[in-house]
Amino acid sequence: MFLSISNVEGQHSAVEISAKNIPENLVPGKNYTIAFEISNTTGNPLNLNCEYTASDQFYLTTNIKKVLVAANNKKIVLFTFGVNNNCPAGNYKSLLDITNNNMPIASQEISLNVSILYNLTVEVLHSPEYLRLEKEYSCEYLVTNNGNSEEKINFESSNALKIVPANALLKHIKT
């Protein structure tokens, strides 16, 4: 009979990742850069592949970088991305994966928040050219939601006129 006893301690990664400047609120149409500090905790230099992935609502300027991190040293890696103009408001995840010789050794997930943009436009489609003694008349308006979130709108008249419909839920336009 053969008996083997092993003492396995918590595995310590050869690489530690720290995101340095995560923006709090992203605005559609703007570009951002996130800096990651990559620490090599081993006594040997590491040749690393860093790949940054994000939602398809973002476009990545750079997403793959190769870095050589000296033994017991740190390196800053920058990734730049833009937020699509029509990106819906909400929370999105992004991920930095680090590999060494095609073997995954570290990763860090980051939450990114896209801010709500309010952008309603109102156009007059039809209105009377002039009014004499008419008691009834009608106007037609086109209300468009060019923002990045649903908008619930209540229509009101300062002259107590009847407005049909009295409210509407406008989805944002995706282009």
Protein backbone atom coordinates (compact mmCIF):
# COMPACT_ATOMS: atom_id res chain seq x y z
CA MET A 1 0.00 0.00 0.00
CA PHE A 2 1.24 3.46 -0.99
CA LEU A 3 0.09 6.58 0.84
CA SER A 4 0.80 10.09 -0.38
CA ILE A 5 0.08 13.17 1.68
CA SER A 6 0.34 16.61 0.07
CA ASN A 7 0.11 20.00 1.65
CA VAL A 8 -1.33 22.36 -0.95
CA GLU A 9 -1.41 26.03 -0.07
CA GLY A 10 -3.39 28.72 -1.88
CA GLN A 11 -2.08 29.15 -5.37
CA HIS A 12 -0.33 32.47 -5.87
CA SER A 13 -0.52 33.92 -9.35
CA ALA A 14 2.67 34.95 -11.10
CA VAL A 15 0.89 38.12 -12.25
CA GLU A 16 -1.25 40.64 -10.40
CA ILE A 17 -3.46 43.16 -12.20
CA SER A 18 -4.64 46.52 -10.94
CA ALA A 19 -6.84 48.89 -12.98
CA LYS A 20 -5.73 52.45 -12.29
CA ASN A 21 -8.22 54.89 -13.82
CA ILE A 22 -11.62 53.34 -14.47
CA PRO A 23 -13.99 56.12 -15.61
CA GLU A 24 -17.12 56.41 -13.44
CA ASN A 25 -19.60 57.28 -16.20
CA LEU A 26 -19.05 56.79 -19.89
CA VAL A 27 -20.68 59.11 -22.42
CA PRO A 28 -21.68 57.77 -25.86
CA GLY A 29 -19.48 59.15 -28.62
CA LYS A 30 -16.44 59.68 -26.37
CA ASN A 31 -13.11 57.85 -26.13
CA TYR A 32 -11.52 56.52 -22.95
CA THR A 33 -8.22 55.00 -21.86
CA ILE A 34 -7.84 52.54 -19.00
CA ALA A 35 -4.42 51.91 -17.47
CA PHE A 36 -3.67 48.49 -16.03
CA GLU A 37 -0.69 47.94 -13.77
CA ILE A 38 0.68 44.44 -14.33
CA SER A 39 2.99 43.13 -11.61
CA ASN A 40 5.34 40.19 -12.12
CA THR A 41 5.67 38.50 -8.71
CA THR A 42 8.19 35.89 -9.87
CA GLY A 43 11.97 35.98 -10.02
CA ASN A 44 11.93 35.50 -13.82
CA PRO A 45 11.02 37.91 -16.61
CA LEU A 46 7.63 37.18 -18.23
CA ASN A 47 6.68 37.68 -21.86
CA LEU A 48 2.92 38.29 -21.61
CA ASN A 49 0.05 38.67 -24.04
CA CYS A 50 -2.64 41.05 -22.79
CA GLU A 51 -6.07 41.02 -24.45
CA TYR A 52 -8.80 43.48 -23.57
CA THR A 53 -12.40 42.61 -24.54
CA ALA A 54 -15.56 44.63 -24.10
CA SER A 55 -19.19 44.80 -25.19
CA ASP A 56 -19.97 45.18 -28.88
CA GLN A 57 -21.33 48.64 -27.90
CA PHE A 58 -17.67 49.74 -27.58
CA TYR A 59 -15.07 49.91 -30.31
CA LEU A 60 -11.54 49.08 -29.25
CA THR A 61 -8.66 51.12 -30.63
CA THR A 62 -6.18 48.64 -29.17
CA ASN A 63 -7.15 45.30 -27.69
CA ILE A 64 -4.03 43.10 -27.79
CA LYS A 65 -0.61 44.01 -26.47
CA LYS A 66 2.57 42.06 -25.85
CA VAL A 67 4.61 43.15 -22.86
CA LEU A 68 7.83 42.00 -21.26
CA VAL A 69 7.71 42.43 -17.48
CA ALA A 70 11.03 42.13 -15.69
CA ALA A 71 11.37 39.90 -12.62
CA ASN A 72 9.64 41.37 -9.54
CA ASN A 73 8.70 44.45 -11.51
CA LYS A 74 5.62 46.29 -12.82
CA LYS A 75 4.50 47.56 -16.18
CA ILE A 76 1.64 49.91 -17.13
CA VAL A 77 -0.45 48.83 -20.14
CA LEU A 78 -2.95 51.24 -21.73
CA PHE A 79 -6.09 50.25 -23.64
CA THR A 80 -8.15 52.83 -25.53
CA PHE A 81 -11.76 52.38 -26.56
CA GLY A 82 -14.71 54.46 -27.68
CA VAL A 83 -18.39 54.20 -26.80
CA ASN A 84 -20.74 53.93 -29.80
CA ASN A 85 -22.88 57.03 -30.34
CA ASN A 86 -26.12 55.11 -29.81
CA CYS A 87 -24.99 52.92 -26.93
CA PRO A 88 -27.93 52.31 -24.55
CA ALA A 89 -27.45 53.49 -20.98
CA GLY A 90 -26.55 50.78 -18.49
CA ASN A 91 -23.80 48.62 -17.04
CA TYR A 92 -21.36 46.73 -19.23
CA LYS A 93 -18.53 44.34 -18.46
CA SER A 94 -15.03 44.37 -19.89
CA LEU A 95 -12.25 41.88 -19.32
CA LEU A 96 -8.45 41.90 -19.39
CA ASP A 97 -6.99 38.43 -19.99
CA ILE A 98 -3.28 37.79 -19.59
CA THR A 99 -1.60 34.73 -21.03
CA ASN A 100 1.95 33.41 -21.05
CA ASN A 101 2.79 30.94 -23.85
CA ASN A 102 -0.96 30.65 -24.61
CA MET A 103 -1.68 29.61 -21.02
CA PRO A 104 -4.07 31.85 -19.06
CA ILE A 105 -2.41 33.20 -15.92
CA ALA A 106 -4.52 36.18 -14.83
CA SER A 107 -7.66 38.14 -15.66
CA GLN A 108 -9.60 41.09 -14.33
CA GLU A 109 -13.22 42.00 -15.04
CA ILE A 110 -14.28 45.64 -14.90
CA SER A 111 -17.77 47.13 -14.76
CA LEU A 112 -18.35 50.17 -16.95
CA ASN A 113 -21.41 52.40 -16.66
CA VAL A 114 -22.78 54.28 -19.68
CA SER A 115 -24.60 57.46 -18.61
CA ILE A 116 -28.15 58.34 -19.62
CA LEU A 117 -28.37 61.02 -22.29
CA TYR A 118 -31.58 63.01 -22.62
CA ASN A 119 -32.13 64.27 -26.14
CA LEU A 120 -35.72 64.81 -27.26
CA THR A 121 -36.58 66.75 -30.40
CA VAL A 122 -40.00 68.20 -31.20
CA GLU A 123 -41.01 69.12 -34.73
CA VAL A 124 -44.25 70.71 -35.86
CA LEU A 125 -45.75 68.57 -38.63
CA HIS A 126 -49.03 70.44 -39.08
CA SER A 127 -50.57 73.55 -37.53
CA PRO A 128 -53.11 76.14 -38.66
CA GLU A 129 -51.61 79.14 -40.43
CA TYR A 130 -53.95 81.44 -38.51
CA LEU A 131 -56.99 81.22 -36.27
CA ARG A 132 -60.07 83.43 -36.42
CA LEU A 133 -62.99 82.42 -34.27
CA GLU A 134 -62.50 78.67 -34.53
CA LYS A 135 -63.28 76.74 -31.37
CA GLU A 136 -61.46 73.63 -32.51
CA TYR A 137 -58.20 73.24 -34.29
CA SER A 138 -55.48 70.63 -34.39
CA CYS A 139 -51.71 70.56 -34.45
CA GLU A 140 -49.49 67.58 -35.09
CA TYR A 141 -46.03 67.19 -33.60
CA LEU A 142 -43.31 64.62 -34.05
CA VAL A 143 -41.40 63.86 -30.85
CA THR A 144 -38.19 61.89 -31.36
CA ASN A 145 -36.03 60.34 -28.67
CA ASN A 146 -32.40 60.73 -29.77
CA GLY A 147 -31.09 59.84 -26.30
CA ASN A 148 -29.91 56.43 -25.14
CA SER A 149 -32.74 55.36 -22.80
CA GLU A 150 -36.51 54.99 -22.83
CA GLU A 151 -38.41 58.15 -21.98
CA LYS A 152 -41.90 58.35 -20.53
CA ILE A 153 -43.48 61.64 -21.58
CA ASN A 154 -46.63 63.28 -20.26
CA PHE A 155 -48.04 65.88 -22.61
CA GLU A 156 -49.67 68.92 -21.01
CA SER A 157 -51.22 72.14 -22.27
CA SER A 158 -50.94 75.47 -20.51
CA ASN A 159 -54.39 76.40 -21.92
CA ALA A 160 -56.14 73.20 -20.81
CA LEU A 161 -56.37 71.96 -24.38
CA LYS A 162 -57.04 68.31 -25.10
CA ILE A 163 -53.91 66.42 -26.10
CA VAL A 164 -54.11 62.99 -27.67
CA PRO A 165 -52.36 60.84 -26.56
CA ALA A 166 -51.86 62.23 -23.06
CA ASN A 167 -48.59 60.31 -22.59
CA ALA A 168 -46.16 58.15 -24.53
CA LEU A 169 -43.25 55.82 -23.94
CA LEU A 170 -40.48 56.56 -26.44
CA LYS A 171 -37.77 54.01 -27.02
CA HIS A 172 -34.36 55.31 -28.04
CA ILE A 173 -33.37 55.19 -31.69
CA LYS A 174 -30.77 52.57 -32.57
CA THR A 175 -28.85 53.25 -35.74
